[in-house]
Amino acid sequence: MRRGAPRQHLYLSGRLDAHQVPGFLAAAEPLAPATTLDLGGVTFMDSSGLAALVRLVRAASYGGQELEIVNVQDGVRLAMEITGLYGVLPIR
């Protein structure tokens, strides 16, 4: 992360599925130089939610930005593990 760069905090709650992904991406993009996605309130995530996270991780990587995901709840963690994304996404 660049020193002094502003950090954007996005706190998500409820479901992150096909209906909520467009609003989520609109709020998250473009990413700040450093962004924290707090999934502590997310109770359900489907494949479109997972794809949105992958999209943001790729955008951050290509844009030289820092992205971290925190507070992943058990149900969401399970979906990430089943799809093989848990070891790939920048989860802290």
PDB file of N, CA and C in Angstrom:
ATOM      1  N   MET A   1       0.832  -1.185   0.000  1.00  0.00           N
ATOM      2  CA  MET A   1       0.000   0.000   0.000  1.00  0.00           C
ATOM      3  C   MET A   1       0.875   1.247   0.000  1.00  0.00           C
ATOM      4  N   ARG A   2       0.457   2.235  -0.691  1.00  0.00           N
ATOM      5  CA  ARG A   2       1.183   3.490  -0.708  1.00  0.00           C
ATOM      6  C   ARG A   2       0.976   4.220   0.613  1.00  0.00           C
ATOM      7  N   ARG A   3       2.062   4.732   1.167  1.00  0.00           N
ATOM      8  CA  ARG A   3       1.951   5.464   2.434  1.00  0.00           C
ATOM      9  C   ARG A   3       1.046   6.680   2.262  1.00  0.00           C
ATOM     10  N   GLY A   4       0.159   6.859   3.205  1.00  0.00           N
ATOM     11  CA  GLY A   4      -0.745   7.986   3.175  1.00  0.00           C
ATOM     12  C   GLY A   4      -1.940   7.817   2.248  1.00  0.00           C
ATOM     13  N   ALA A   5      -2.019   6.652   1.583  1.00  0.00           N
ATOM     14  CA  ALA A   5      -3.138   6.424   0.666  1.00  0.00           C
ATOM     15  C   ALA A   5      -4.426   6.233   1.462  1.00  0.00           C
ATOM     16  N   PRO A   6      -5.522   6.819   1.002  1.00  0.00           N
ATOM     17  CA  PRO A   6      -6.788   6.646   1.710  1.00  0.00           C
ATOM     18  C   PRO A   6      -7.272   5.205   1.632  1.00  0.00           C
ATOM     19  N   ARG A   7      -7.851   4.720   2.720  1.00  0.00           N
ATOM     20  CA  ARG A   7      -8.392   3.365   2.762  1.00  0.00           C
ATOM     21  C   ARG A   7      -9.902   3.457   2.759  1.00  0.00           C
ATOM     22  N   GLN A   8     -10.508   2.730   1.833  1.00  0.00           N
ATOM     23  CA  GLN A   8     -11.959   2.649   1.716  1.00  0.00           C
ATOM     24  C   GLN A   8     -12.411   1.403   2.476  1.00  0.00           C
ATOM     25  N   HIS A   9     -13.415   1.547   3.337  1.00  0.00           N
ATOM     26  CA  HIS A   9     -13.977   0.414   4.076  1.00  0.00           C
ATOM     27  C   HIS A   9     -15.398   0.186   3.583  1.00  0.00           C
ATOM     28  N   LEU A  10     -15.653  -1.023   3.101  1.00  0.00           N
ATOM     29  CA  LEU A  10     -16.997  -1.393   2.675  1.00  0.00           C
ATOM     30  C   LEU A  10     -17.505  -2.487   3.600  1.00  0.00           C
ATOM     31  N   TYR A  11     -18.583  -2.203   4.311  1.00  0.00           N
ATOM     32  CA  TYR A  11     -19.196  -3.150   5.229  1.00  0.00           C
ATOM     33  C   TYR A  11     -20.432  -3.728   4.561  1.00  0.00           C
ATOM     34  N   LEU A  12     -20.413  -5.023   4.345  1.00  0.00           N
ATOM     35  CA  LEU A  12     -21.515  -5.678   3.652  1.00  0.00           C
ATOM     36  C   LEU A  12     -22.357  -6.455   4.645  1.00  0.00           C
ATOM     37  N   SER A  13     -23.666  -6.507   4.370  1.00  0.00           N
ATOM     38  CA  SER A  13     -24.553  -7.283   5.225  1.00  0.00           C
ATOM     39  C   SER A  13     -25.671  -7.886   4.383  1.00  0.00           C
ATOM     40  N   GLY A  14     -26.261  -8.932   4.922  1.00  0.00           N
ATOM     41  CA  GLY A  14     -27.353  -9.609   4.229  1.00  0.00           C
ATOM     42  C   GLY A  14     -26.843 -10.584   3.195  1.00  0.00           C
ATOM     43  N   ARG A  15     -27.530 -10.621   2.088  1.00  0.00           N
ATOM     44  CA  ARG A  15     -27.196 -11.551   1.004  1.00  0.00           C
ATOM     45  C   ARG A  15     -26.371 -10.841  -0.059  1.00  0.00           C
ATOM     46  N   LEU A  16     -25.405 -11.567  -0.612  1.00  0.00           N
ATOM     47  CA  LEU A  16     -24.673 -11.066  -1.777  1.00  0.00           C
ATOM     48  C   LEU A  16     -24.917 -12.084  -2.880  1.00  0.00           C
ATOM     49  N   ASP A  17     -25.985 -11.822  -3.623  1.00  0.00           N
ATOM     50  CA  ASP A  17     -26.381 -12.734  -4.690  1.00  0.00           C
ATOM     51  C   ASP A  17     -26.647 -11.925  -5.959  1.00  0.00           C
ATOM     52  N   ALA A  18     -27.209 -12.562  -6.949  1.00  0.00           N
ATOM     53  CA  ALA A  18     -27.398 -11.930  -8.263  1.00  0.00           C
ATOM     54  C   ALA A  18     -28.180 -10.614  -8.179  1.00  0.00           C
ATOM     55  N   HIS A  19     -29.071 -10.489  -7.220  1.00  0.00           N
ATOM     56  CA  HIS A  19     -29.876  -9.270  -7.101  1.00  0.00           C
ATOM     57  C   HIS A  19     -29.082  -8.115  -6.489  1.00  0.00           C
ATOM     58  N   GLN A  20     -28.144  -8.418  -5.596  1.00  0.00           N
ATOM     59  CA  GLN A  20     -27.395  -7.377  -4.903  1.00  0.00           C
ATOM     60  C   GLN A  20     -26.054  -7.043  -5.556  1.00  0.00           C
ATOM     61  N   VAL A  21     -25.519  -7.915  -6.394  1.00  0.00           N
ATOM     62  CA  VAL A  21     -24.193  -7.705  -6.975  1.00  0.00           C
ATOM     63  C   VAL A  21     -24.078  -6.391  -7.747  1.00  0.00           C
ATOM     64  N   PRO A  22     -25.035  -6.015  -8.595  1.00  0.00           N
ATOM     65  CA  PRO A  22     -24.871  -4.740  -9.321  1.00  0.00           C
ATOM     66  C   PRO A  22     -24.688  -3.535  -8.389  1.00  0.00           C
ATOM     67  N   GLY A  23     -25.467  -3.469  -7.330  1.00  0.00           N
ATOM     68  CA  GLY A  23     -25.327  -2.370  -6.371  1.00  0.00           C
ATOM     69  C   GLY A  23     -24.011  -2.426  -5.624  1.00  0.00           C
ATOM     70  N   PHE A  24     -23.594  -3.632  -5.276  1.00  0.00           N
ATOM     71  CA  PHE A  24     -22.311  -3.824  -4.599  1.00  0.00           C
ATOM     72  C   PHE A  24     -21.162  -3.341  -5.475  1.00  0.00           C
ATOM     73  N   LEU A  25     -21.153  -3.759  -6.730  1.00  0.00           N
ATOM     74  CA  LEU A  25     -20.074  -3.351  -7.633  1.00  0.00           C
ATOM     75  C   LEU A  25     -20.103  -1.847  -7.885  1.00  0.00           C
ATOM     76  N   ALA A  26     -21.285  -1.260  -7.983  1.00  0.00           N
ATOM     77  CA  ALA A  26     -21.395   0.186  -8.177  1.00  0.00           C
ATOM     78  C   ALA A  26     -20.802   0.937  -6.988  1.00  0.00           C
ATOM     79  N   ALA A  27     -20.982   0.402  -5.779  1.00  0.00           N
ATOM     80  CA  ALA A  27     -20.434   1.045  -4.579  1.00  0.00           C
ATOM     81  C   ALA A  27     -18.933   0.826  -4.454  1.00  0.00           C
ATOM     82  N   ALA A  28     -18.448  -0.306  -4.940  1.00  0.00           N
ATOM     83  CA  ALA A  28     -17.044  -0.664  -4.756  1.00  0.00           C
ATOM     84  C   ALA A  28     -16.136  -0.145  -5.856  1.00  0.00           C
ATOM     85  N   GLU A  29     -16.657   0.044  -7.047  1.00  0.00           N
ATOM     86  CA  GLU A  29     -15.811   0.451  -8.173  1.00  0.00           C
ATOM     87  C   GLU A  29     -16.013   1.930  -8.487  1.00  0.00           C
ATOM     88  N   PRO A  30     -14.984   2.678  -8.780  1.00  0.00           N
ATOM     89  CA  PRO A  30     -13.605   2.215  -8.800  1.00  0.00           C
ATOM     90  C   PRO A  30     -13.060   2.082  -7.379  1.00  0.00           C
ATOM     91  N   LEU A  31     -12.108   1.190  -7.222  1.00  0.00           N
ATOM     92  CA  LEU A  31     -11.512   0.948  -5.916  1.00  0.00           C
ATOM     93  C   LEU A  31     -10.618   2.101  -5.502  1.00  0.00           C
ATOM     94  N   ALA A  32     -10.578   2.341  -4.209  1.00  0.00           N
ATOM     95  CA  ALA A  32      -9.622   3.294  -3.651  1.00  0.00           C
ATOM     96  C   ALA A  32      -8.236   2.649  -3.702  1.00  0.00           C
ATOM     97  N   PRO A  33      -7.180   3.406  -3.450  1.00  0.00           N
ATOM     98  CA  PRO A  33      -5.844   2.800  -3.443  1.00  0.00           C
ATOM     99  C   PRO A  33      -5.743   1.611  -2.486  1.00  0.00           C
ATOM    100  N   ALA A  34      -6.526   1.639  -1.420  1.00  0.00           N
ATOM    101  CA  ALA A  34      -6.571   0.520  -0.480  1.00  0.00           C
ATOM    102  C   ALA A  34      -8.026   0.338  -0.044  1.00  0.00           C
ATOM    103  N   THR A  35      -8.506  -0.889  -0.123  1.00  0.00           N
ATOM    104  CA  THR A  35      -9.904  -1.171   0.200  1.00  0.00           C
ATOM    105  C   THR A  35      -9.995  -2.388   1.109  1.00  0.00           C
ATOM    106  N   THR A  36     -10.826  -2.278   2.130  1.00  0.00           N
ATOM    107  CA  THR A  36     -11.152  -3.403   3.002  1.00  0.00           C
ATOM    108  C   THR A  36     -12.614  -3.745   2.793  1.00  0.00           C
ATOM    109  N   LEU A  37     -12.874  -4.998   2.447  1.00  0.00           N
ATOM    110  CA  LEU A  37     -14.243  -5.503   2.344  1.00  0.00           C
ATOM    111  C   LEU A  37     -14.533  -6.298   3.607  1.00  0.00           C
ATOM    112  N   ASP A  38     -15.439  -5.808   4.419  1.00  0.00           N
ATOM    113  CA  ASP A  38     -15.811  -6.482   5.660  1.00  0.00           C
ATOM    114  C   ASP A  38     -17.084  -7.278   5.393  1.00  0.00           C
ATOM    115  N   LEU A  39     -16.943  -8.602   5.389  1.00  0.00           N
ATOM    116  CA  LEU A  39     -18.076  -9.487   5.101  1.00  0.00           C
ATOM    117  C   LEU A  39     -18.756  -9.989   6.374  1.00  0.00           C
ATOM    118  N   GLY A  40     -18.497  -9.341   7.498  1.00  0.00           N
ATOM    119  CA  GLY A  40     -19.024  -9.795   8.775  1.00  0.00           C
ATOM    120  C   GLY A  40     -20.533  -9.917   8.836  1.00  0.00           C
ATOM    121  N   GLY A  41     -21.253  -9.144   8.059  1.00  0.00           N
ATOM    122  CA  GLY A  41     -22.708  -9.191   8.071  1.00  0.00           C
ATOM    123  C   GLY A  41     -23.312  -9.983   6.928  1.00  0.00           C
ATOM    124  N   VAL A  42     -22.483 -10.588   6.083  1.00  0.00           N
ATOM    125  CA  VAL A  42     -22.996 -11.333   4.929  1.00  0.00           C
ATOM    126  C   VAL A  42     -23.438 -12.718   5.388  1.00  0.00           C
ATOM    127  N   THR A  43     -24.709 -13.008   5.189  1.00  0.00           N
ATOM    128  CA  THR A  43     -25.272 -14.285   5.630  1.00  0.00           C
ATOM    129  C   THR A  43     -25.347 -15.322   4.515  1.00  0.00           C
ATOM    130  N   PHE A  44     -25.272 -14.866   3.269  1.00  0.00           N
ATOM    131  CA  PHE A  44     -25.365 -15.780   2.124  1.00  0.00           C
ATOM    132  C   PHE A  44     -24.631 -15.164   0.941  1.00  0.00           C
ATOM    133  N   MET A  45     -23.909 -16.010   0.209  1.00  0.00           N
ATOM    134  CA  MET A  45     -23.243 -15.561  -1.006  1.00  0.00           C
ATOM    135  C   MET A  45     -23.349 -16.671  -2.033  1.00  0.00           C
ATOM    136  N   ASP A  46     -23.862 -16.318  -3.222  1.00  0.00           N
ATOM    137  CA  ASP A  46     -23.951 -17.313  -4.286  1.00  0.00           C
ATOM    138  C   ASP A  46     -22.794 -17.118  -5.263  1.00  0.00           C
ATOM    139  N   SER A  47     -22.841 -17.829  -6.384  1.00  0.00           N
ATOM    140  CA  SER A  47     -21.741 -17.778  -7.344  1.00  0.00           C
ATOM    141  C   SER A  47     -21.552 -16.389  -7.936  1.00  0.00           C
ATOM    142  N   SER A  48     -22.622 -15.617  -8.075  1.00  0.00           N
ATOM    143  CA  SER A  48     -22.467 -14.264  -8.605  1.00  0.00           C
ATOM    144  C   SER A  48     -21.753 -13.368  -7.596  1.00  0.00           C
ATOM    145  N   GLY A  49     -22.000 -13.571  -6.326  1.00  0.00           N
ATOM    146  CA  GLY A  49     -21.278 -12.832  -5.293  1.00  0.00           C
ATOM    147  C   GLY A  49     -19.805 -13.194  -5.285  1.00  0.00           C
ATOM    148  N   LEU A  50     -19.519 -14.482  -5.405  1.00  0.00           N
ATOM    149  CA  LEU A  50     -18.123 -14.925  -5.477  1.00  0.00           C
ATOM    150  C   LEU A  50     -17.443 -14.346  -6.715  1.00  0.00           C
ATOM    151  N   ALA A  51     -18.147 -14.362  -7.836  1.00  0.00           N
ATOM    152  CA  ALA A  51     -17.583 -13.802  -9.078  1.00  0.00           C
ATOM    153  C   ALA A  51     -17.309 -12.310  -8.922  1.00  0.00           C
ATOM    154  N   ALA A  52     -18.163 -11.596  -8.206  1.00  0.00           N
ATOM    155  CA  ALA A  52     -17.941 -10.171  -7.980  1.00  0.00           C
ATOM    156  C   ALA A  52     -16.675  -9.943  -7.160  1.00  0.00           C
ATOM    157  N   LEU A  53     -16.448 -10.796  -6.164  1.00  0.00           N
ATOM    158  CA  LEU A  53     -15.223 -10.674  -5.380  1.00  0.00           C
ATOM    159  C   LEU A  53     -13.994 -10.917  -6.241  1.00  0.00           C
ATOM    160  N   VAL A  54     -14.054 -11.942  -7.088  1.00  0.00           N
ATOM    161  CA  VAL A  54     -12.940 -12.229  -7.995  1.00  0.00           C
ATOM    162  C   VAL A  54     -12.700 -11.046  -8.921  1.00  0.00           C
ATOM    163  N   ARG A  55     -13.772 -10.459  -9.421  1.00  0.00           N
ATOM    164  CA  ARG A  55     -13.659  -9.289 -10.307  1.00  0.00           C
ATOM    165  C   ARG A  55     -12.933  -8.150  -9.607  1.00  0.00           C
ATOM    166  N   LEU A  56     -13.296  -7.884  -8.346  1.00  0.00           N
ATOM    167  CA  LEU A  56     -12.647  -6.808  -7.610  1.00  0.00           C
ATOM    168  C   LEU A  56     -11.179  -7.120  -7.325  1.00  0.00           C
ATOM    169  N   VAL A  57     -10.888  -8.370  -6.997  1.00  0.00           N
ATOM    170  CA  VAL A  57      -9.495  -8.765  -6.734  1.00  0.00           C
ATOM    171  C   VAL A  57      -8.653  -8.567  -7.992  1.00  0.00           C
ATOM    172  N   ARG A  58      -9.177  -8.966  -9.125  1.00  0.00           N
ATOM    173  CA  ARG A  58      -8.449  -8.775 -10.392  1.00  0.00           C
ATOM    174  C   ARG A  58      -8.261  -7.294 -10.701  1.00  0.00           C
ATOM    175  N   ALA A  59      -9.312  -6.504 -10.511  1.00  0.00           N
ATOM    176  CA  ALA A  59      -9.215  -5.068 -10.776  1.00  0.00           C
ATOM    177  C   ALA A  59      -8.160  -4.425  -9.878  1.00  0.00           C
ATOM    178  N   ALA A  60      -8.126  -4.826  -8.613  1.00  0.00           N
ATOM    179  CA  ALA A  60      -7.127  -4.288  -7.690  1.00  0.00           C
ATOM    180  C   ALA A  60      -5.729  -4.701  -8.122  1.00  0.00           C
ATOM    181  N   SER A  61      -5.578  -5.935  -8.504  1.00  0.00           N
ATOM    182  CA  SER A  61      -4.271  -6.438  -8.919  1.00  0.00           C
ATOM    183  C   SER A  61      -3.764  -5.681 -10.146  1.00  0.00           C
ATOM    184  N   TYR A  62      -4.620  -5.526 -11.142  1.00  0.00           N
ATOM    185  CA  TYR A  62      -4.226  -4.832 -12.369  1.00  0.00           C
ATOM    186  C   TYR A  62      -4.009  -3.338 -12.137  1.00  0.00           C
ATOM    187  N   GLY A  63      -4.736  -2.774 -11.176  1.00  0.00           N
ATOM    188  CA  GLY A  63      -4.636  -1.344 -10.920  1.00  0.00           C
ATOM    189  C   GLY A  63      -3.600  -0.963  -9.882  1.00  0.00           C
ATOM    190  N   GLY A  64      -2.894  -1.953  -9.332  1.00  0.00           N
ATOM    191  CA  GLY A  64      -1.883  -1.664  -8.328  1.00  0.00           C
ATOM    192  C   GLY A  64      -2.460  -1.226  -6.993  1.00  0.00           C
ATOM    193  N   GLN A  65      -3.691  -1.656  -6.722  1.00  0.00           N
ATOM    194  CA  GLN A  65      -4.356  -1.287  -5.479  1.00  0.00           C
ATOM    195  C   GLN A  65      -4.297  -2.455  -4.490  1.00  0.00           C
ATOM    196  N   GLU A  66      -4.519  -2.140  -3.235  1.00  0.00           N
ATOM    197  CA  GLU A  66      -4.549  -3.157  -2.193  1.00  0.00           C
ATOM    198  C   GLU A  66      -5.999  -3.459  -1.843  1.00  0.00           C
ATOM    199  N   LEU A  67      -6.340  -4.729  -1.805  1.00  0.00           N
ATOM    200  CA  LEU A  67      -7.686  -5.158  -1.426  1.00  0.00           C
ATOM    201  C   LEU A  67      -7.552  -6.271  -0.405  1.00  0.00           C
ATOM    202  N   GLU A  68      -8.274  -6.147   0.696  1.00  0.00           N
ATOM    203  CA  GLU A  68      -8.304  -7.222   1.678  1.00  0.00           C
ATOM    204  C   GLU A  68      -9.749  -7.513   2.052  1.00  0.00           C
ATOM    205  N   ILE A  69     -10.005  -8.774   2.356  1.00  0.00           N
ATOM    206  CA  ILE A  69     -11.337  -9.234   2.752  1.00  0.00           C
ATOM    207  C   ILE A  69     -11.228  -9.705   4.196  1.00  0.00           C
ATOM    208  N   VAL A  70     -12.125  -9.223   5.049  1.00  0.00           N
ATOM    209  CA  VAL A  70     -12.071  -9.564   6.466  1.00  0.00           C
ATOM    210  C   VAL A  70     -13.430 -10.049   6.956  1.00  0.00           C
ATOM    211  N   ASN A  71     -13.416 -10.709   8.110  1.00  0.00           N
ATOM    212  CA  ASN A  71     -14.627 -11.150   8.817  1.00  0.00           C
ATOM    213  C   ASN A  71     -15.538 -12.046   7.975  1.00  0.00           C
ATOM    214  N   VAL A  72     -14.961 -13.034   7.349  1.00  0.00           N
ATOM    215  CA  VAL A  72     -15.738 -13.969   6.538  1.00  0.00           C
ATOM    216  C   VAL A  72     -16.459 -14.945   7.481  1.00  0.00           C
ATOM    217  N   GLN A  73     -17.781 -14.967   7.377  1.00  0.00           N
ATOM    218  CA  GLN A  73     -18.592 -15.839   8.222  1.00  0.00           C
ATOM    219  C   GLN A  73     -18.566 -17.276   7.696  1.00  0.00           C
ATOM    220  N   ASP A  74     -18.930 -18.223   8.566  1.00  0.00           N
ATOM    221  CA  ASP A  74     -18.797 -19.648   8.259  1.00  0.00           C
ATOM    222  C   ASP A  74     -19.483 -20.077   6.962  1.00  0.00           C
ATOM    223  N   GLY A  75     -20.708 -19.641   6.726  1.00  0.00           N
ATOM    224  CA  GLY A  75     -21.426 -20.051   5.522  1.00  0.00           C
ATOM    225  C   GLY A  75     -20.760 -19.546   4.253  1.00  0.00           C
ATOM    226  N   VAL A  76     -20.293 -18.323   4.301  1.00  0.00           N
ATOM    227  CA  VAL A  76     -19.600 -17.732   3.156  1.00  0.00           C
ATOM    228  C   VAL A  76     -18.239 -18.394   2.985  1.00  0.00           C
ATOM    229  N   ARG A  77     -17.557 -18.650   4.092  1.00  0.00           N
ATOM    230  CA  ARG A  77     -16.259 -19.325   4.048  1.00  0.00           C
ATOM    231  C   ARG A  77     -16.408 -20.703   3.402  1.00  0.00           C
ATOM    232  N   LEU A  78     -17.459 -21.408   3.736  1.00  0.00           N
ATOM    233  CA  LEU A  78     -17.702 -22.731   3.152  1.00  0.00           C
ATOM    234  C   LEU A  78     -17.867 -22.637   1.637  1.00  0.00           C
ATOM    235  N   ALA A  79     -18.633 -21.657   1.167  1.00  0.00           N
ATOM    236  CA  ALA A  79     -18.805 -21.469  -0.276  1.00  0.00           C
ATOM    237  C   ALA A  79     -17.466 -21.177  -0.944  1.00  0.00           C
ATOM    238  N   MET A  80     -16.638 -20.381  -0.288  1.00  0.00           N
ATOM    239  CA  MET A  80     -15.312 -20.077  -0.832  1.00  0.00           C
ATOM    240  C   MET A  80     -14.418 -21.319  -0.851  1.00  0.00           C
ATOM    241  N   GLU A  81     -14.506 -22.126   0.193  1.00  0.00           N
ATOM    242  CA  GLU A  81     -13.690 -23.336   0.256  1.00  0.00           C
ATOM    243  C   GLU A  81     -14.119 -24.351  -0.799  1.00  0.00           C
ATOM    244  N   ILE A  82     -15.412 -24.526  -0.961  1.00  0.00           N
ATOM    245  CA  ILE A  82     -15.933 -25.495  -1.941  1.00  0.00           C
ATOM    246  C   ILE A  82     -15.504 -25.120  -3.354  1.00  0.00           C
ATOM    247  N   THR A  83     -15.491 -23.838  -3.658  1.00  0.00           N
ATOM    248  CA  THR A  83     -15.128 -23.388  -4.992  1.00  0.00           C
ATOM    249  C   THR A  83     -13.622 -23.226  -5.184  1.00  0.00           C
ATOM    250  N   GLY A  84     -12.857 -23.403  -4.127  1.00  0.00           N
ATOM    251  CA  GLY A  84     -11.418 -23.258  -4.218  1.00  0.00           C
ATOM    252  C   GLY A  84     -10.930 -21.821  -4.142  1.00  0.00           C
ATOM    253  N   LEU A  85     -11.809 -20.886  -3.817  1.00  0.00           N
ATOM    254  CA  LEU A  85     -11.442 -19.472  -3.768  1.00  0.00           C
ATOM    255  C   LEU A  85     -10.866 -19.052  -2.430  1.00  0.00           C
ATOM    256  N   TYR A  86     -11.092 -19.831  -1.385  1.00  0.00           N
ATOM    257  CA  TYR A  86     -10.658 -19.392  -0.053  1.00  0.00           C
ATOM    258  C   TYR A  86      -9.149 -19.203  -0.001  1.00  0.00           C
ATOM    259  N   GLY A  87      -8.386 -20.043  -0.632  1.00  0.00           N
ATOM    260  CA  GLY A  87      -6.945 -19.902  -0.629  1.00  0.00           C
ATOM    261  C   GLY A  87      -6.415 -18.907  -1.634  1.00  0.00           C
ATOM    262  N   VAL A  88      -7.288 -18.409  -2.507  1.00  0.00           N
ATOM    263  CA  VAL A  88      -6.882 -17.501  -3.582  1.00  0.00           C
ATOM    264  C   VAL A  88      -7.208 -16.046  -3.248  1.00  0.00           C
ATOM    265  N   LEU A  89      -8.347 -15.809  -2.629  1.00  0.00           N
ATOM    266  CA  LEU A  89      -8.763 -14.449  -2.307  1.00  0.00           C
ATOM    267  C   LEU A  89      -7.925 -13.900  -1.146  1.00  0.00           C
ATOM    268  N   PRO A  90      -7.709 -12.582  -1.128  1.00  0.00           N
ATOM    269  CA  PRO A  90      -6.875 -11.961  -0.079  1.00  0.00           C
ATOM    270  C   PRO A  90      -7.630 -11.808   1.235  1.00  0.00           C
ATOM    271  N   ILE A  91      -7.838 -12.924   1.923  1.00  0.00           N
ATOM    272  CA  ILE A  91      -8.608 -12.929   3.165  1.00  0.00           C
ATOM    273  C   ILE A  91      -7.653 -12.781   4.335  1.00  0.00           C
ATOM    274  N   ARG A  92      -7.980 -11.877   5.249  1.00  0.00           N
ATOM    275  CA  ARG A  92      -7.170 -11.656   6.433  1.00  0.00           C
ATOM    276  C   ARG A  92      -7.940 -12.088   7.652  1.00  0.00           C
TER     277      ARG A  92
END
